[in-house]
Amino acid sequence: MSIKTVRWDRDADVVVVGLGGAGACAALEAAQYGARVRVLNRLQGGGATAVSGAIVYAGGGTAQQVAVGYDDTPEEMFKYLKQEVGNSVSVEALRRCCEQSKQDLHWLEEQGVPFDASLCPHETSYPTDLFYVCFSGNEMAEPYKSIGRPAPRGHRAKGKGTSGRVLTTKLEHAVLAAGVQVRRQTQVQRLVTDSRGGVIGVEGRSIPSGSFWARLHGQLSRINAKAVTHTPPAGRMITSLLASITQRQSRPYRVRAHKAVILAAGRFIYNREMVKEHVPLYGRCMPLGTVADDGAGILMGQSVGGATRNMGRASAWRFYVPPESMIKGVLVNRRGERLCNEDLYGATIGEYVAANGGDAYLIFDSATRKEAIGQLREQCAYWQLPTTLYMLFAGYKKASSSGELAAKAGLDSVGLEKTMAEDHAQASSAQADPMGKSARFFRPQAKPPFYPRNCAFDAAAGFPCASMTLGGLVVDEATGAVVQADGSAIPGLYAAGRNAVGICSKKYGSGLSIADCVFSGRRAGRYTAHLESA
């Protein structure tokens, strides 16, 4: 759209698209540096961060780490993350993230986000309400712990259940207190550019604020944030209703950005066409996020020449902990071959399952099952119990031998019998696991009956494997500006969070996405606030 034909409804120095973790941090940082900021959000607010567990990956000697007895440093954090994230970002950017990590967590506390110093004593996918500091990745597993000194860097916002809403509510309160103007129920559809290709505003559709339809849309979007994950049929129905309200009740809405537009509109896991194009295997998984994670921000950036990277990267969370005794099982592919160290973080295990076509089975014996059942009360949060009970009590066929188990599960019997015999011999003789499993979990699975737990990406509704996409727009790592294929920045356009390539855009670890939302959001907000007005 030509700038000469635009009739602006509002204006601001900085326009932020999205009010999730990254958008809130970008808006708040820009406002704290003196910019007039306006945020446009498609739903009610919070984004995928609000439905997350609110774990922030932070290190370098946070107050919480010190309180639980760990003397972490930015260098140790860097050594560990360098193994995990590879070349997702440059060494310089990763170092900046690690050096800023402690301060970023403190900044969140200054905005009112509560944290606590209580260390989770067992391995888990997510701690119960008794614990708020945890090992949230592969820090305690080989080969990672031999390269970087292990430290718990998962800092969970303090709140009951999954505390994502606590984190985003506190951030939203801080955003509003800073004088940021927020327009909800507003779907940004296009970027407005000038004659030189610079981005000078946004255009979309908005349901009139304060109207009955805006309130209804907001209430339904809050319900749908959980429904799309926990009750997909209801989620699809509410999603359709939300789209209908937007189509019928919204009006054209355009906002002029005098300095910049920051895209912070989430990933693309709910855009099934994009998933099919870029990460088709992960279409077998349960999508993690909200229906607004449909790639709109990425597509808008591409529409004005923005380059993308790692669009073929996604993360699948194949957890079978808690209870932690399940780590004693043996994870195999359909050929009966062992896949990896079962002590690894769930997203890393998901990488191995993906490499085997999205299929895997965890084989465990009656002794392991009995021990795991005994850990349910202590180690499982209430919302984890349905999945854990299904894993231990339903959806499988037990067998008296490896051969019988292979036949019932559809696995190669020769391969499985060989794998289980080798595992039994090594574990029984107190040898170190050649794949690096911790000695306390390396125990022979020898007491029948045996159980094959289907760990495929689409194993069953009762034992889902959650997934999210990781790729996004390429940005200048010093500023957050969206760049073109030749590396030149697009004037007036920035991106943060999962709209941008960041720390976790190649491989995921629990808390890395929110940590990157804070790091990249603050970066974009800080830089754009200091730009000259156009």
Protein backbone atom coordinates (compact mmCIF):
# COMPACT_ATOMS: atom_id res chain seq x y z
CA MET A 1 0.00 0.00 0.00
CA SER A 2 1.35 3.43 -0.90
CA ILE A 3 1.93 5.80 2.00
CA LYS A 4 0.02 8.51 0.09
CA THR A 5 -3.24 6.51 0.26
CA VAL A 6 -3.06 5.45 3.91
CA ARG A 7 -5.44 6.89 6.48
CA TRP A 8 -3.85 6.16 9.84
CA ASP A 9 -6.05 5.35 12.84
CA ARG A 10 -3.25 5.75 15.38
CA ASP A 11 0.48 6.38 15.49
CA ALA A 12 3.44 5.61 17.75
CA ASP A 13 7.21 5.69 17.73
CA VAL A 14 7.40 1.90 17.98
CA VAL A 15 4.63 -0.52 17.01
CA VAL A 16 4.91 -4.03 18.47
CA VAL A 17 2.97 -6.88 16.87
CA GLY A 18 2.23 -9.42 19.58
CA LEU A 19 1.88 -9.32 23.37
CA GLY A 20 3.52 -12.60 24.32
CA GLY A 21 6.82 -12.86 26.16
CA ALA A 22 8.93 -11.25 23.43
CA GLY A 23 6.40 -8.55 22.55
CA ALA A 24 5.87 -7.53 26.16
CA CYS A 25 9.63 -7.32 26.79
CA ALA A 26 10.20 -5.33 23.59
CA ALA A 27 7.39 -2.89 24.38
CA LEU A 28 8.47 -2.43 27.96
CA GLU A 29 12.13 -1.87 27.12
CA ALA A 30 11.29 0.64 24.38
CA ALA A 31 8.96 2.53 26.72
CA GLN A 32 11.56 2.56 29.49
CA TYR A 33 13.93 4.24 27.07
CA GLY A 34 11.39 6.95 26.31
CA ALA A 35 9.62 5.77 23.15
CA ARG A 36 5.87 6.06 22.57
CA VAL A 37 4.84 2.44 22.11
CA ARG A 38 1.68 0.81 20.83
CA VAL A 39 1.12 -2.96 20.98
CA LEU A 40 -1.35 -4.77 18.71
CA ASN A 41 -2.37 -8.27 19.73
CA ARG A 42 -4.54 -10.72 17.83
CA LEU A 43 -6.08 -12.38 20.89
CA GLN A 44 -6.29 -11.35 24.54
CA GLY A 45 -2.57 -11.40 25.29
CA GLY A 46 0.17 -13.60 26.68
CA GLY A 47 0.83 -15.69 23.58
CA ALA A 48 2.50 -19.08 23.88
CA THR A 49 4.39 -17.83 26.94
CA ALA A 50 1.11 -17.64 28.88
CA VAL A 51 0.36 -21.34 28.28
CA SER A 52 3.94 -22.40 28.96
CA GLY A 53 5.52 -23.60 32.19
CA ALA A 54 7.22 -20.19 32.59
CA ILE A 55 10.69 -21.67 32.93
CA VAL A 56 13.36 -19.09 32.12
CA TYR A 57 16.81 -20.46 31.31
CA ALA A 58 19.19 -18.22 33.25
CA GLY A 59 22.65 -18.59 34.72
CA GLY A 60 25.93 -16.92 35.47
CA GLY A 61 25.30 -16.80 39.21
CA THR A 62 21.68 -15.78 39.72
CA ALA A 63 20.48 -15.19 43.27
CA GLN A 64 18.44 -18.39 43.07
CA GLN A 65 21.45 -20.45 41.95
CA VAL A 66 23.55 -19.11 44.80
CA ALA A 67 20.76 -19.82 47.30
CA VAL A 68 20.59 -23.50 46.31
CA GLY A 69 24.37 -23.89 46.48
CA TYR A 70 25.61 -23.50 42.90
CA ASP A 71 28.40 -21.15 41.85
CA ASP A 72 27.63 -20.72 38.16
CA THR A 73 29.44 -18.37 35.79
CA PRO A 74 28.63 -16.93 32.35
CA GLU A 75 31.56 -18.92 30.93
CA GLU A 76 30.23 -22.26 32.22
CA MET A 77 26.79 -21.39 30.88
CA PHE A 78 28.35 -20.53 27.51
CA LYS A 79 30.31 -23.81 27.34
CA TYR A 80 27.15 -25.80 27.92
CA LEU A 81 24.93 -23.83 25.55
CA LYS A 82 27.54 -23.90 22.79
CA GLN A 83 27.07 -27.67 22.67
CA GLU A 84 23.30 -27.33 22.58
CA VAL A 85 22.61 -24.47 20.18
CA GLY A 86 25.50 -25.05 17.74
CA ASN A 87 25.59 -22.34 15.09
CA SER A 88 22.04 -21.12 15.60
CA VAL A 89 23.57 -17.76 16.51
CA SER A 90 27.13 -16.49 16.41
CA VAL A 91 29.58 -17.12 19.24
CA GLU A 92 29.50 -13.40 20.01
CA ALA A 93 25.70 -13.32 20.30
CA LEU A 94 25.66 -16.43 22.49
CA ARG A 95 28.27 -14.89 24.79
CA ARG A 96 26.23 -11.71 25.09
CA CYS A 97 23.17 -13.76 25.98
CA CYS A 98 25.08 -15.64 28.71
CA GLU A 99 26.71 -12.51 30.10
CA GLN A 100 23.34 -10.72 30.19
CA SER A 101 21.40 -13.70 31.54
CA LYS A 102 21.68 -12.93 35.24
CA GLN A 103 20.66 -9.32 34.64
CA ASP A 104 17.74 -10.35 32.40
CA LEU A 105 16.32 -12.51 35.19
CA HIS A 106 16.73 -9.67 37.68
CA TRP A 107 15.01 -7.34 35.20
CA LEU A 108 12.02 -9.70 35.12
CA GLU A 109 11.93 -9.59 38.92
CA GLU A 110 11.95 -5.79 38.76
CA GLN A 111 8.83 -5.98 36.58
CA GLY A 112 7.12 -8.01 39.30
CA VAL A 113 7.69 -11.57 38.04
CA PRO A 114 8.17 -13.78 41.13
CA PHE A 115 10.87 -16.45 41.34
CA ASP A 116 11.91 -18.73 44.19
CA ALA A 117 14.99 -20.64 45.36
CA SER A 118 13.87 -24.23 45.89
CA LEU A 119 15.78 -26.91 43.96
CA CYS A 120 13.96 -29.88 42.44
CA PRO A 121 15.81 -33.03 43.69
CA HIS A 122 14.72 -35.41 40.94
CA GLU A 123 14.77 -35.51 37.15
CA THR A 124 11.54 -34.33 35.64
CA SER A 125 9.95 -32.68 32.64
CA TYR A 126 8.52 -30.01 34.95
CA PRO A 127 8.78 -29.56 38.73
CA THR A 128 5.85 -29.72 41.14
CA ASP A 129 4.69 -26.63 43.04
CA LEU A 130 7.26 -27.36 45.75
CA PHE A 131 10.20 -26.51 43.47
CA TYR A 132 11.14 -23.53 41.29
CA VAL A 133 14.78 -24.14 40.30
CA CYS A 134 15.69 -27.20 38.24
CA PHE A 135 18.07 -28.80 35.79
CA SER A 136 16.02 -28.07 32.68
CA GLY A 137 18.22 -29.55 29.95
CA ASN A 138 21.10 -31.98 29.49
CA GLU A 139 23.39 -30.38 32.08
CA MET A 140 23.70 -33.59 34.13
CA ALA A 141 24.00 -35.97 31.16
CA GLU A 142 27.02 -37.09 29.19
CA PRO A 143 28.76 -35.71 27.22
CA TYR A 144 27.43 -32.31 28.29
CA LYS A 145 28.46 -32.44 31.95
CA SER A 146 32.06 -33.20 31.02
CA ILE A 147 32.38 -30.01 28.98
CA GLY A 148 30.53 -27.42 31.04
CA ARG A 149 30.22 -27.54 34.84
CA PRO A 150 26.60 -28.54 35.57
CA ALA A 151 24.32 -26.02 37.23
CA PRO A 152 20.53 -25.74 37.51
CA ARG A 153 19.51 -22.93 35.16
CA GLY A 154 15.78 -23.51 34.91
CA HIS A 155 14.10 -20.69 36.83
CA ARG A 156 10.35 -21.19 37.04
CA ALA A 157 8.09 -18.22 37.73
CA LYS A 158 6.41 -18.90 41.06
CA GLY A 159 2.78 -19.92 40.73
CA LYS A 160 0.48 -22.91 40.90
CA GLY A 161 0.35 -25.44 38.07
CA THR A 162 2.01 -24.29 34.86
CA SER A 163 2.81 -20.70 35.79
CA GLY A 164 3.06 -19.07 32.38
CA ARG A 165 0.05 -16.89 33.04
CA VAL A 166 1.74 -15.53 36.19
CA LEU A 167 4.75 -14.42 34.15
CA THR A 168 2.78 -12.79 31.34
CA THR A 169 0.26 -11.12 33.65
CA LYS A 170 3.07 -9.44 35.58
CA LEU A 171 4.72 -8.32 32.36
CA GLU A 172 1.44 -6.96 30.99
CA HIS A 173 0.87 -4.99 34.19
CA ALA A 174 4.34 -3.50 33.83
CA VAL A 175 3.69 -2.70 30.15
CA LEU A 176 0.52 -0.80 30.98
CA ALA A 177 2.14 0.95 33.93
CA ALA A 178 4.87 2.19 31.59
CA GLY A 179 2.26 4.00 29.48
CA VAL A 180 2.26 1.58 26.55
CA GLN A 181 -1.00 1.62 24.55
CA VAL A 182 -2.35 -1.91 24.02
CA ARG A 183 -4.98 -2.79 21.42
CA ARG A 184 -6.27 -6.36 21.74
CA GLN A 185 -8.48 -8.33 19.33
CA THR A 186 -6.48 -6.80 16.49
CA GLN A 187 -5.11 -8.96 13.71
CA VAL A 188 -2.22 -7.35 11.83
CA GLN A 189 -2.26 -8.59 8.25
CA ARG A 190 0.18 -6.44 6.29
CA LEU A 191 3.20 -4.21 6.66
CA VAL A 192 2.96 -0.76 5.11
CA THR A 193 6.09 0.39 3.29
CA ASP A 194 7.30 3.64 1.77
CA SER A 195 8.67 4.17 -1.74
CA ARG A 196 12.12 2.93 -0.68
CA GLY A 197 10.82 -0.30 0.82
CA GLY A 198 11.15 0.81 4.42
CA VAL A 199 8.45 -0.30 6.86
CA ILE A 200 6.48 2.65 8.20
CA GLY A 201 3.40 1.01 9.71
CA VAL A 202 0.96 -1.88 9.84
CA GLU A 203 -2.52 -2.63 8.56
CA GLY A 204 -5.06 -5.14 9.73
CA ARG A 205 -8.48 -5.52 11.27
CA SER A 206 -9.60 -4.76 14.81
CA ILE A 207 -12.75 -5.45 16.80
CA PRO A 208 -13.81 -2.15 18.43
CA SER A 209 -12.39 -1.93 21.94
CA GLY A 210 -14.89 -2.20 24.78
CA SER A 211 -17.60 -3.67 22.59
CA PHE A 212 -19.55 -6.81 23.46
CA TRP A 213 -17.81 -8.64 20.63
CA ALA A 214 -14.37 -7.61 21.84
CA ARG A 215 -15.16 -8.88 25.35
CA LEU A 216 -16.59 -12.14 24.01
CA HIS A 217 -13.60 -12.63 21.72
CA GLY A 218 -11.27 -12.06 24.65
CA GLN A 219 -13.06 -14.52 26.90
CA LEU A 220 -13.16 -17.19 24.21
CA SER A 221 -9.49 -16.73 23.34
CA ARG A 222 -8.52 -17.29 27.00
CA ILE A 223 -10.55 -20.50 27.11
CA ASN A 224 -9.12 -21.61 23.78
CA ALA A 225 -5.52 -21.15 24.95
CA LYS A 226 -5.96 -24.37 26.95
CA ALA A 227 -8.67 -26.03 24.87
CA VAL A 228 -6.57 -26.34 21.70
CA THR A 229 -4.07 -28.48 23.62
CA HIS A 230 -6.19 -30.41 26.10
CA THR A 231 -9.48 -30.82 24.21
CA PRO A 232 -8.68 -30.38 20.50
CA PRO A 233 -12.27 -30.85 19.21
CA ALA A 234 -13.49 -28.04 21.49
CA GLY A 235 -10.45 -26.01 20.51
CA ARG A 236 -11.26 -26.33 16.81
CA MET A 237 -14.84 -25.25 17.42
CA ILE A 238 -13.78 -22.18 19.45
CA THR A 239 -11.10 -21.31 16.88
CA SER A 240 -13.74 -21.31 14.15
CA LEU A 241 -16.00 -19.11 16.28
CA LEU A 242 -13.16 -16.65 16.94
CA ALA A 243 -12.45 -16.40 13.21
CA SER A 244 -16.13 -15.78 12.50
CA ILE A 245 -16.32 -12.98 15.09
CA THR A 246 -13.20 -11.37 13.66
CA GLN A 247 -14.54 -11.57 10.10
CA ARG A 248 -17.95 -10.15 10.95
CA GLN A 249 -17.20 -7.62 13.67
CA SER A 250 -13.74 -6.23 12.92
CA ARG A 251 -12.93 -3.00 11.09
CA PRO A 252 -9.87 -1.88 9.12
CA TYR A 253 -7.16 -0.59 11.44
CA ARG A 254 -3.85 1.06 10.54
CA VAL A 255 -1.06 2.34 12.78
CA ARG A 256 1.84 4.54 11.72
CA ALA A 257 5.26 3.68 13.16
CA HIS A 258 7.54 6.71 13.22
CA LYS A 259 10.59 4.68 14.22
CA ALA A 260 10.00 0.95 13.75
CA VAL A 261 7.72 -2.07 13.74
CA ILE A 262 8.76 -5.04 15.89
CA LEU A 263 7.33 -8.42 14.88
CA ALA A 264 6.81 -10.67 17.91
CA ALA A 265 3.88 -12.79 16.79
CA GLY A 266 5.13 -16.30 17.58
CA ARG A 267 6.01 -19.47 15.70
CA PHE A 268 4.11 -21.33 12.93
CA ILE A 269 3.16 -24.65 14.55
CA TYR A 270 -0.58 -23.92 14.05
CA ASN A 271 -0.19 -23.24 10.35
CA ARG A 272 -0.61 -26.76 9.05
CA GLU A 273 0.38 -25.82 5.50
CA MET A 274 3.68 -24.32 6.71
CA VAL A 275 4.26 -27.34 8.93
CA LYS A 276 3.65 -29.64 5.97
CA GLU A 277 6.05 -27.63 3.83
CA HIS A 278 8.89 -27.18 6.31
CA VAL A 279 8.65 -29.85 9.05
CA PRO A 280 6.19 -32.50 7.83
CA LEU A 281 7.31 -35.19 10.29
CA TYR A 282 6.28 -32.97 13.20
CA GLY A 283 2.74 -32.81 11.89
CA ARG A 284 2.34 -36.10 13.75
CA CYS A 285 2.86 -34.30 17.07
CA MET A 286 0.54 -32.28 19.26
CA PRO A 287 1.08 -28.58 18.45
CA LEU A 288 2.27 -26.47 21.37
CA GLY A 289 1.27 -22.82 21.58
CA THR A 290 -1.86 -20.88 20.65
CA VAL A 291 -3.84 -20.64 17.42
CA ALA A 292 -2.12 -17.29 16.81
CA ASP A 293 1.14 -19.22 16.31
CA ASP A 294 0.32 -19.45 12.62
CA GLY A 295 3.45 -17.90 11.12
CA ALA A 296 1.79 -14.57 10.32
CA GLY A 297 4.72 -12.51 11.59
CA ILE A 298 7.25 -14.57 9.65
CA LEU A 299 5.18 -14.35 6.47
CA MET A 300 4.82 -10.58 6.83
CA GLY A 301 8.56 -10.26 7.21
CA GLN A 302 9.11 -12.37 4.11
CA SER A 303 6.62 -10.24 2.16
CA VAL A 304 8.97 -7.25 2.34
CA GLY A 305 12.13 -9.23 1.60
CA GLY A 306 13.06 -10.67 4.98
CA ALA A 307 15.28 -13.76 4.86
CA THR A 308 14.52 -16.86 6.95
CA ARG A 309 16.65 -19.62 8.43
CA ASN A 310 16.11 -22.93 10.23
CA MET A 311 12.56 -23.20 8.94
CA GLY A 312 13.10 -26.94 8.78
CA ARG A 313 13.85 -27.11 12.49
CA ALA A 314 11.29 -28.11 15.13
CA SER A 315 11.36 -29.57 18.61
CA ALA A 316 9.38 -32.59 19.78
CA TRP A 317 9.15 -33.22 23.53
CA ARG A 318 9.22 -36.96 24.00
CA PHE A 319 9.23 -37.08 27.81
CA TYR A 320 8.67 -40.21 29.89
CA VAL A 321 9.62 -38.52 33.16
CA PRO A 322 8.32 -38.07 35.77
CA PRO A 323 8.62 -40.55 37.42
CA GLU A 324 12.39 -40.60 37.03
CA SER A 325 12.60 -44.40 37.36
CA MET A 326 11.37 -44.64 33.77
CA ILE A 327 14.87 -43.58 32.71
CA LYS A 328 15.94 -47.14 33.56
CA GLY A 329 14.02 -48.35 30.51
CA VAL A 330 15.60 -48.99 27.11
CA LEU A 331 14.51 -46.78 24.20
CA VAL A 332 14.56 -48.60 20.86
CA ASN A 333 13.51 -48.09 17.25
CA ARG A 334 11.42 -50.48 15.19
CA ARG A 335 14.54 -52.49 14.39
CA GLY A 336 14.96 -53.12 18.11
CA GLU A 337 18.12 -51.02 18.25
CA ARG A 338 18.78 -48.76 21.21
CA LEU A 339 18.49 -45.08 20.25
CA CYS A 340 20.34 -43.07 22.88
CA ASN A 341 21.08 -42.37 26.51
CA GLU A 342 17.62 -42.43 28.10
CA ASP A 343 18.80 -39.87 30.67
CA LEU A 344 18.77 -37.07 28.10
CA TYR A 345 16.35 -34.15 28.12
CA GLY A 346 13.01 -34.84 26.41
CA ALA A 347 13.60 -32.53 23.44
CA THR A 348 16.97 -34.19 22.79
CA ILE A 349 15.28 -37.58 22.93
CA GLY A 350 12.80 -36.16 20.43
CA GLU A 351 15.72 -35.50 18.08
CA TYR A 352 16.65 -39.19 18.17
CA VAL A 353 13.04 -40.24 17.65
CA ALA A 354 12.79 -37.87 14.67
CA ALA A 355 15.95 -39.39 13.19
CA ASN A 356 14.15 -42.75 13.31
CA GLY A 357 11.09 -41.56 11.43
CA GLY A 358 9.15 -40.43 14.49
CA ASP A 359 8.85 -43.94 15.96
CA ALA A 360 10.27 -45.39 19.20
CA TYR A 361 9.43 -47.73 22.08
CA LEU A 362 10.54 -47.61 25.71
CA ILE A 363 11.04 -51.12 27.05
CA PHE A 364 10.89 -51.60 30.82
CA ASP A 365 10.34 -54.47 33.22
CA SER A 366 7.95 -55.02 36.13
CA ALA A 367 10.52 -53.86 38.71
CA THR A 368 10.97 -50.52 36.98
CA ARG A 369 7.22 -50.13 36.59
CA LYS A 370 6.63 -50.87 40.29
CA GLU A 371 9.29 -48.37 41.33
CA ALA A 372 7.82 -45.70 39.03
CA ILE A 373 4.33 -46.23 40.47
CA GLY A 374 5.79 -45.65 43.93
CA GLN A 375 7.14 -42.26 42.81
CA LEU A 376 3.86 -40.91 41.45
CA ARG A 377 2.75 -39.05 44.57
CA GLU A 378 6.09 -37.38 45.22
CA GLN A 379 7.24 -36.51 41.71
CA CYS A 380 4.14 -35.78 39.62
CA ALA A 381 2.21 -32.53 39.48
CA TYR A 382 -1.55 -33.01 39.41
CA TRP A 383 -1.79 -32.05 35.75
CA GLN A 384 0.93 -34.58 34.83
CA LEU A 385 -0.95 -37.49 36.37
CA PRO A 386 -3.32 -38.31 33.48
CA THR A 387 -0.45 -38.76 31.02
CA THR A 388 1.71 -40.61 33.55
CA LEU A 389 -1.09 -42.95 34.58
CA TYR A 390 -1.79 -43.70 30.94
CA MET A 391 1.91 -44.41 30.39
CA LEU A 392 2.04 -46.89 33.28
CA PHE A 393 -1.41 -48.47 33.17
CA ALA A 394 -2.86 -48.30 29.66
CA GLY A 395 -2.22 -48.55 25.95
CA TYR A 396 0.29 -51.40 25.82
CA LYS A 397 0.55 -55.20 25.86
CA LYS A 398 2.85 -56.88 28.38
CA ALA A 399 4.98 -59.90 27.49
CA SER A 400 7.00 -62.56 29.26
CA SER A 401 10.05 -62.36 26.97
CA SER A 402 11.80 -60.07 24.51
CA GLY A 403 10.65 -62.23 21.62
CA GLU A 404 7.01 -62.11 22.66
CA LEU A 405 7.27 -58.37 23.34
CA ALA A 406 8.72 -57.75 19.86
CA ALA A 407 5.88 -59.66 18.24
CA LYS A 408 3.20 -57.75 20.15
CA ALA A 409 4.77 -54.33 19.54
CA GLY A 410 5.70 -54.96 15.90
CA LEU A 411 9.45 -54.71 16.49
CA ASP A 412 12.25 -56.74 14.93
CA SER A 413 12.67 -59.68 17.31
CA VAL A 414 16.32 -60.42 16.47
CA GLY A 415 17.34 -56.80 16.93
CA LEU A 416 15.40 -56.38 20.19
CA GLU A 417 16.69 -59.60 21.74
CA LYS A 418 20.27 -58.59 20.88
CA THR A 419 19.79 -55.10 22.34
CA MET A 420 18.21 -56.33 25.58
CA ALA A 421 20.86 -59.03 26.02
CA GLU A 422 23.66 -56.49 25.61
CA ASP A 423 21.99 -54.04 27.95
CA HIS A 424 21.47 -56.76 30.57
CA ALA A 425 25.09 -57.92 30.38
CA GLN A 426 26.55 -54.43 30.65
CA ALA A 427 24.23 -53.22 33.42
CA SER A 428 24.60 -56.42 35.45
CA SER A 429 28.40 -56.26 35.41
CA ALA A 430 28.46 -52.67 36.70
CA GLN A 431 30.04 -51.45 33.46
CA ALA A 432 29.60 -47.82 32.49
CA ASP A 433 26.84 -47.39 29.96
CA PRO A 434 28.48 -46.93 26.53
CA MET A 435 25.81 -44.33 25.74
CA GLY A 436 26.43 -42.41 28.96
CA LYS A 437 23.38 -43.14 31.12
CA SER A 438 23.93 -42.24 34.78
CA ALA A 439 24.97 -45.24 36.86
CA ARG A 440 21.96 -44.95 39.18
CA PHE A 441 19.64 -45.46 36.20
CA PHE A 442 21.70 -48.10 34.37
CA ARG A 443 19.96 -51.20 35.68
CA PRO A 444 19.11 -54.45 33.86
CA GLN A 445 15.53 -54.79 32.68
CA ALA A 446 15.28 -58.47 33.50
CA LYS A 447 12.18 -59.11 35.63
CA PRO A 448 9.14 -60.15 33.56
CA PRO A 449 6.62 -59.18 32.53
CA PHE A 450 8.08 -56.61 30.13
CA TYR A 451 6.23 -53.58 28.85
CA PRO A 452 6.62 -51.75 25.49
CA ARG A 453 5.60 -48.10 25.84
CA ASN A 454 4.91 -46.62 22.40
CA CYS A 455 6.86 -43.34 22.29
CA ALA A 456 6.11 -42.41 18.66
CA PHE A 457 5.28 -38.79 17.84
CA ASP A 458 1.64 -39.84 17.37
CA ALA A 459 1.59 -42.68 19.89
CA ALA A 460 -1.82 -41.95 21.44
CA ALA A 461 -3.98 -39.11 22.68
CA GLY A 462 -3.27 -40.28 26.23
CA PHE A 463 0.50 -40.00 25.76
CA PRO A 464 0.99 -36.99 23.45
CA CYS A 465 4.27 -35.66 22.13
CA ALA A 466 4.19 -31.85 22.06
CA SER A 467 6.02 -29.94 19.34
CA MET A 468 6.91 -26.41 18.34
CA THR A 469 8.69 -24.90 15.35
CA LEU A 470 12.00 -23.08 15.79
CA GLY A 471 12.89 -21.22 12.58
CA GLY A 472 12.16 -17.61 11.77
CA LEU A 473 13.35 -14.35 10.25
CA VAL A 474 17.07 -13.67 10.13
CA VAL A 475 17.99 -10.62 12.20
CA ASP A 476 21.04 -8.47 12.82
CA GLU A 477 22.34 -9.96 16.07
CA ALA A 478 23.35 -6.57 17.46
CA THR A 479 20.04 -4.78 16.82
CA GLY A 480 17.25 -7.25 16.01
CA ALA A 481 16.68 -5.66 12.58
CA VAL A 482 15.23 -8.05 9.99
CA VAL A 483 17.71 -8.58 7.17
CA GLN A 484 17.41 -9.56 3.53
CA ALA A 485 19.21 -12.39 1.78
CA ASP A 486 22.19 -10.12 1.05
CA GLY A 487 22.52 -9.26 4.75
CA SER A 488 21.23 -5.69 4.46
CA ALA A 489 18.68 -4.54 7.04
CA ILE A 490 15.12 -3.67 6.06
CA PRO A 491 14.58 -0.11 7.32
CA GLY A 492 12.04 0.09 10.11
CA LEU A 493 11.52 -3.66 10.63
CA TYR A 494 12.67 -5.69 13.64
CA ALA A 495 11.78 -9.09 15.06
CA ALA A 496 12.03 -10.91 18.37
CA GLY A 497 11.08 -14.18 20.01
CA ARG A 498 10.02 -16.97 17.69
CA ASN A 499 9.48 -14.59 14.80
CA ALA A 500 13.27 -14.30 14.73
CA VAL A 501 16.19 -16.68 14.52
CA GLY A 502 17.57 -16.83 18.04
CA ILE A 503 19.31 -18.88 20.69
CA CYS A 504 16.94 -21.86 20.45
CA SER A 505 16.27 -21.81 16.70
CA LYS A 506 18.23 -24.97 16.02
CA LYS A 507 17.74 -27.01 19.19
CA TYR A 508 15.48 -26.48 22.17
CA GLY A 509 16.08 -26.78 25.91
CA SER A 510 13.47 -26.02 28.55
CA GLY A 511 13.46 -22.31 29.31
CA LEU A 512 15.56 -21.29 26.30
CA SER A 513 12.64 -19.90 24.33
CA ILE A 514 11.45 -17.57 27.08
CA ALA A 515 15.05 -16.59 27.87
CA ASP A 516 15.47 -15.68 24.20
CA CYS A 517 12.17 -13.76 24.24
CA VAL A 518 13.57 -11.61 27.04
CA PHE A 519 17.00 -11.25 25.45
CA SER A 520 15.83 -10.54 21.89
CA GLY A 521 12.76 -8.56 22.95
CA ARG A 522 14.76 -6.19 25.11
CA ARG A 523 17.37 -5.87 22.36
CA ALA A 524 14.82 -4.82 19.74
CA GLY A 525 12.99 -2.51 22.12
CA ARG A 526 16.17 -0.82 23.30
CA TYR A 527 17.55 -0.30 19.82
CA THR A 528 14.34 0.97 18.20
CA ALA A 529 13.73 3.44 21.03
CA HIS A 530 16.96 5.20 20.08
CA LEU A 531 16.19 5.48 16.36
CA GLU A 532 15.43 8.81 14.78
CA SER A 533 11.77 9.36 13.87
CA ALA A 534 10.94 9.01 10.19
